[in-house]
Amino acid sequence: MSRALIEYLGTWLLDHPEDLSIEEVEGERGELIFEITVHSEDMGKLIGKRGRVIQALRSLVRASAQREGHSVLVEVVD
């Protein structure tokens, strides 16, 4: 569900949603880490002013995952 949420929001936030790539990695403590890669022109839109957009995205994904009983982190990869 969390991955689908990122993909859905990415289509609305980004100018190049076809370049959105999400890689799932398991963290050291067993949490799931979503590593997001986007087109270079969309990096600013994903992060937002003072990081507000990415923080909101992280909060939504974390809440969605907690509802399912999982621990999730969202990272942006250059």
Protein backbone atom coordinates (compact mmCIF):
# COMPACT_ATOMS: atom_id res chain seq x y z
CA MET A 1 0.00 0.00 0.00
CA SER A 2 2.81 2.44 0.87
CA ARG A 3 4.55 1.93 -2.46
CA ALA A 4 1.28 2.49 -4.31
CA LEU A 5 0.76 5.70 -2.35
CA ILE A 6 4.18 7.02 -3.42
CA GLU A 7 3.50 6.11 -7.05
CA TYR A 8 0.08 7.76 -6.97
CA LEU A 9 1.32 10.99 -5.40
CA GLY A 10 4.32 11.04 -7.75
CA THR A 11 2.04 11.25 -10.77
CA TRP A 12 0.53 14.45 -9.37
CA LEU A 13 3.70 16.06 -8.00
CA LEU A 14 6.19 15.48 -10.80
CA ASP A 15 6.53 16.79 -14.35
CA HIS A 16 8.19 13.52 -15.41
CA PRO A 17 6.30 10.81 -13.45
CA GLU A 18 7.54 8.15 -15.89
CA ASP A 19 11.05 8.64 -14.44
CA LEU A 20 9.89 7.90 -10.89
CA SER A 21 11.74 4.86 -9.59
CA ILE A 22 11.15 3.27 -6.19
CA GLU A 23 13.54 0.66 -4.82
CA GLU A 24 12.70 -1.31 -1.68
CA VAL A 25 15.61 -2.05 0.65
CA GLU A 26 15.56 -3.70 4.06
CA GLY A 27 17.17 -1.62 6.79
CA GLU A 28 19.45 -2.75 9.60
CA ARG A 29 16.60 -2.86 12.11
CA GLY A 30 14.23 -4.71 9.82
CA GLU A 31 12.39 -1.64 8.57
CA LEU A 32 11.53 -1.22 4.91
CA ILE A 33 13.27 1.68 3.15
CA PHE A 34 11.83 3.15 -0.04
CA GLU A 35 14.60 4.79 -2.07
CA ILE A 36 13.03 7.25 -4.51
CA THR A 37 14.80 8.39 -7.67
CA VAL A 38 13.28 11.07 -9.92
CA HIS A 39 14.21 13.09 -13.01
CA SER A 40 16.76 15.79 -12.17
CA GLU A 41 14.27 18.56 -13.02
CA ASP A 42 11.75 17.13 -10.53
CA MET A 43 14.12 16.93 -7.55
CA GLY A 44 13.12 20.38 -6.28
CA LYS A 45 9.42 19.62 -6.62
CA LEU A 46 9.80 16.39 -4.65
CA ILE A 47 11.74 18.03 -1.85
CA GLY A 48 9.80 21.31 -1.78
CA LYS A 49 10.64 24.53 0.01
CA ARG A 50 12.55 23.74 3.20
CA GLY A 51 11.76 20.05 2.64
CA ARG A 52 8.05 20.39 3.32
CA VAL A 53 6.83 18.20 0.45
CA ILE A 54 9.14 15.27 1.21
CA GLN A 55 8.33 15.53 4.93
CA ALA A 56 4.61 15.40 4.15
CA LEU A 57 5.17 12.41 1.86
CA ARG A 58 7.18 10.65 4.58
CA SER A 59 4.41 11.29 7.12
CA LEU A 60 1.71 9.90 4.82
CA VAL A 61 3.73 6.79 3.96
CA ARG A 62 4.67 6.21 7.61
CA ALA A 63 1.02 6.49 8.69
CA SER A 64 -0.07 4.13 5.94
CA ALA A 65 2.57 1.59 6.91
CA GLN A 66 1.79 1.79 10.63
CA ARG A 67 -1.80 0.99 9.84
CA GLU A 68 -0.53 -2.26 8.30
CA GLY A 69 1.86 -2.87 11.21
CA HIS A 70 5.10 -2.09 9.33
CA SER A 71 7.98 0.30 9.87
CA VAL A 72 8.89 2.33 6.77
CA LEU A 73 11.40 5.03 5.84
CA VAL A 74 11.44 7.15 2.67
CA GLU A 75 14.75 8.37 1.24
CA VAL A 76 15.47 10.47 -1.85
CA VAL A 77 18.43 9.31 -3.94
CA ASP A 78 20.33 11.69 -6.23
